[in-house]
Amino acid sequence: MANGTEGSSVTKLESRWIAFVTAVALLLGGWWLQNQYDTMLRIQQQLADFQRHVDDGYVRKDYLATVEARLGRIEDKLDALRDEKRTAPLSGR
């Protein structure tokens, strides 16, 4: 009978250790998954901020193209005015 009670005592101790190890493993696994989730959210936010920054750059690039086109037209008009003055006869002499 003594052997029967010792076996159940060892079995109880073994099952408690298995439960303890499982609980620790689940705790560490849950902590790791939570860190992964938080990191993914932070990376998504950084990506959205970067995309916004890039989009702003494209908007500025398009704006500069418009300014460059307008300056080109003004330059052409100034060249035309200069050419007209060179070809116009002198009226005062």
C-alpha atoms as a PDB file:
ATOM      1  CA  MET A   1       0.000   0.000   0.000  1.00  0.00           C
ATOM      2  CA  ALA A   2       2.847   2.321   0.646  1.00  0.00           C
ATOM      3  CA  ASN A   3       3.895   2.032  -2.956  1.00  0.00           C
ATOM      4  CA  GLY A   4       0.419   2.938  -4.145  1.00  0.00           C
ATOM      5  CA  THR A   5       0.377   6.166  -2.188  1.00  0.00           C
ATOM      6  CA  GLU A   6       3.893   7.101  -3.256  1.00  0.00           C
ATOM      7  CA  GLY A   7       2.974   6.670  -6.901  1.00  0.00           C
ATOM      8  CA  SER A   8       0.000   8.970  -6.605  1.00  0.00           C
ATOM      9  CA  SER A   9       2.133  11.528  -4.748  1.00  0.00           C
ATOM     10  CA  VAL A  10       4.705  11.521  -7.563  1.00  0.00           C
ATOM     11  CA  THR A  11       1.956  11.725 -10.138  1.00  0.00           C
ATOM     12  CA  LYS A  12       0.424  14.745  -8.396  1.00  0.00           C
ATOM     13  CA  LEU A  13       3.816  16.451  -8.187  1.00  0.00           C
ATOM     14  CA  GLU A  14       4.521  15.679 -11.830  1.00  0.00           C
ATOM     15  CA  SER A  15       1.157  17.024 -12.966  1.00  0.00           C
ATOM     16  CA  ARG A  16       1.696  20.181 -10.902  1.00  0.00           C
ATOM     17  CA  TRP A  17       5.074  20.706 -12.578  1.00  0.00           C
ATOM     18  CA  ILE A  18       3.548  20.165 -16.013  1.00  0.00           C
ATOM     19  CA  ALA A  19       0.807  22.679 -15.187  1.00  0.00           C
ATOM     20  CA  PHE A  20       3.405  25.163 -13.874  1.00  0.00           C
ATOM     21  CA  VAL A  21       5.655  24.799 -16.931  1.00  0.00           C
ATOM     22  CA  THR A  22       2.631  25.115 -19.231  1.00  0.00           C
ATOM     23  CA  ALA A  23       1.479  28.265 -17.412  1.00  0.00           C
ATOM     24  CA  VAL A  24       4.957  29.813 -17.678  1.00  0.00           C
ATOM     25  CA  ALA A  25       5.147  28.903 -21.373  1.00  0.00           C
ATOM     26  CA  LEU A  26       1.719  30.441 -21.993  1.00  0.00           C
ATOM     27  CA  LEU A  27       2.696  33.560 -20.064  1.00  0.00           C
ATOM     28  CA  LEU A  28       5.888  34.015 -22.068  1.00  0.00           C
ATOM     29  CA  GLY A  29       4.091  33.216 -25.327  1.00  0.00           C
ATOM     30  CA  GLY A  30       1.369  35.746 -24.573  1.00  0.00           C
ATOM     31  CA  TRP A  31       3.929  38.387 -23.646  1.00  0.00           C
ATOM     32  CA  TRP A  32       5.834  37.735 -26.897  1.00  0.00           C
ATOM     33  CA  LEU A  33       2.659  37.903 -28.997  1.00  0.00           C
ATOM     34  CA  GLN A  34       1.631  41.176 -27.326  1.00  0.00           C
ATOM     35  CA  ASN A  35       5.052  42.654 -28.111  1.00  0.00           C
ATOM     36  CA  GLN A  36       4.748  41.516 -31.734  1.00  0.00           C
ATOM     37  CA  TYR A  37       1.297  43.093 -31.995  1.00  0.00           C
ATOM     38  CA  ASP A  38       2.475  46.404 -30.482  1.00  0.00           C
ATOM     39  CA  THR A  39       5.487  46.442 -32.789  1.00  0.00           C
ATOM     40  CA  MET A  40       3.280  45.816 -35.825  1.00  0.00           C
ATOM     41  CA  LEU A  41       0.965  48.687 -34.858  1.00  0.00           C
ATOM     42  CA  ARG A  42       3.953  51.018 -34.408  1.00  0.00           C
ATOM     43  CA  ILE A  43       5.398  49.990 -37.786  1.00  0.00           C
ATOM     44  CA  GLN A  44       2.034  50.561 -39.475  1.00  0.00           C
ATOM     45  CA  GLN A  45       1.866  54.056 -37.973  1.00  0.00           C
ATOM     46  CA  GLN A  46       5.404  54.825 -39.116  1.00  0.00           C
ATOM     47  CA  LEU A  47       4.560  53.571 -42.611  1.00  0.00           C
ATOM     48  CA  ALA A  48       1.467  55.772 -42.761  1.00  0.00           C
ATOM     49  CA  ASP A  49       3.531  58.783 -41.626  1.00  0.00           C
ATOM     50  CA  PHE A  50       6.172  58.022 -44.260  1.00  0.00           C
ATOM     51  CA  GLN A  51       3.559  57.674 -47.007  1.00  0.00           C
ATOM     52  CA  ARG A  52       2.088  61.019 -45.971  1.00  0.00           C
ATOM     53  CA  HIS A  53       5.567  62.564 -46.145  1.00  0.00           C
ATOM     54  CA  VAL A  54       6.162  61.102 -49.626  1.00  0.00           C
ATOM     55  CA  ASP A  55       2.761  62.304 -50.830  1.00  0.00           C
ATOM     56  CA  ASP A  56       3.580  65.813 -49.607  1.00  0.00           C
ATOM     57  CA  GLY A  57       6.812  65.654 -51.609  1.00  0.00           C
ATOM     58  CA  TYR A  58       4.915  64.752 -54.762  1.00  0.00           C
ATOM     59  CA  VAL A  59       2.504  67.623 -54.189  1.00  0.00           C
ATOM     60  CA  ARG A  60       5.450  70.018 -53.844  1.00  0.00           C
ATOM     61  CA  LYS A  61       7.033  68.529 -56.969  1.00  0.00           C
ATOM     62  CA  ASP A  62       3.848  69.142 -58.980  1.00  0.00           C
ATOM     63  CA  TYR A  63       3.649  72.678 -57.617  1.00  0.00           C
ATOM     64  CA  LEU A  64       7.234  73.363 -58.698  1.00  0.00           C
ATOM     65  CA  ALA A  65       6.453  72.109 -62.206  1.00  0.00           C
ATOM     66  CA  THR A  66       3.621  74.646 -62.420  1.00  0.00           C
ATOM     67  CA  VAL A  67       5.870  77.459 -61.186  1.00  0.00           C
ATOM     68  CA  GLU A  68       8.569  76.430 -63.658  1.00  0.00           C
ATOM     69  CA  ALA A  69       6.074  76.504 -66.542  1.00  0.00           C
ATOM     70  CA  ARG A  70       4.853  79.972 -65.554  1.00  0.00           C
ATOM     71  CA  LEU A  71       8.392  81.302 -65.228  1.00  0.00           C
ATOM     72  CA  GLY A  72       9.182  79.858 -68.659  1.00  0.00           C
ATOM     73  CA  ARG A  73       6.234  81.733 -70.168  1.00  0.00           C
ATOM     74  CA  ILE A  74       7.311  84.975 -68.465  1.00  0.00           C
ATOM     75  CA  GLU A  75      10.847  84.490 -69.783  1.00  0.00           C
ATOM     76  CA  ASP A  76       9.514  83.962 -73.307  1.00  0.00           C
ATOM     77  CA  LYS A  77       7.441  87.138 -73.089  1.00  0.00           C
ATOM     78  CA  LEU A  78      10.418  89.140 -71.828  1.00  0.00           C
ATOM     79  CA  ASP A  79      12.541  87.820 -74.687  1.00  0.00           C
ATOM     80  CA  ALA A  80       9.826  88.805 -77.153  1.00  0.00           C
ATOM     81  CA  LEU A  81       9.648  92.336 -75.664  1.00  0.00           C
ATOM     82  CA  ARG A  82      13.441  92.670 -75.851  1.00  0.00           C
ATOM     83  CA  ASP A  83      13.417  91.541 -79.487  1.00  0.00           C
ATOM     84  CA  GLU A  84      10.677  94.072 -80.300  1.00  0.00           C
ATOM     85  CA  LYS A  85      12.701  96.914 -78.806  1.00  0.00           C
ATOM     86  CA  ARG A  86      15.768  95.923 -80.807  1.00  0.00           C
ATOM     87  CA  THR A  87      13.857  95.853 -84.077  1.00  0.00           C
ATOM     88  CA  ALA A  88      11.749  98.977 -83.412  1.00  0.00           C
ATOM     89  CA  PRO A  89      13.035 102.147 -85.166  1.00  0.00           C
ATOM     90  CA  LEU A  90      14.311 104.961 -82.994  1.00  0.00           C
ATOM     91  CA  SER A  91      11.632 107.653 -83.054  1.00  0.00           C
ATOM     92  CA  GLY A  92      13.578 110.391 -81.238  1.00  0.00           C
ATOM     93  CA  ARG A  93      16.477 110.771 -83.722  1.00  0.00           C
END
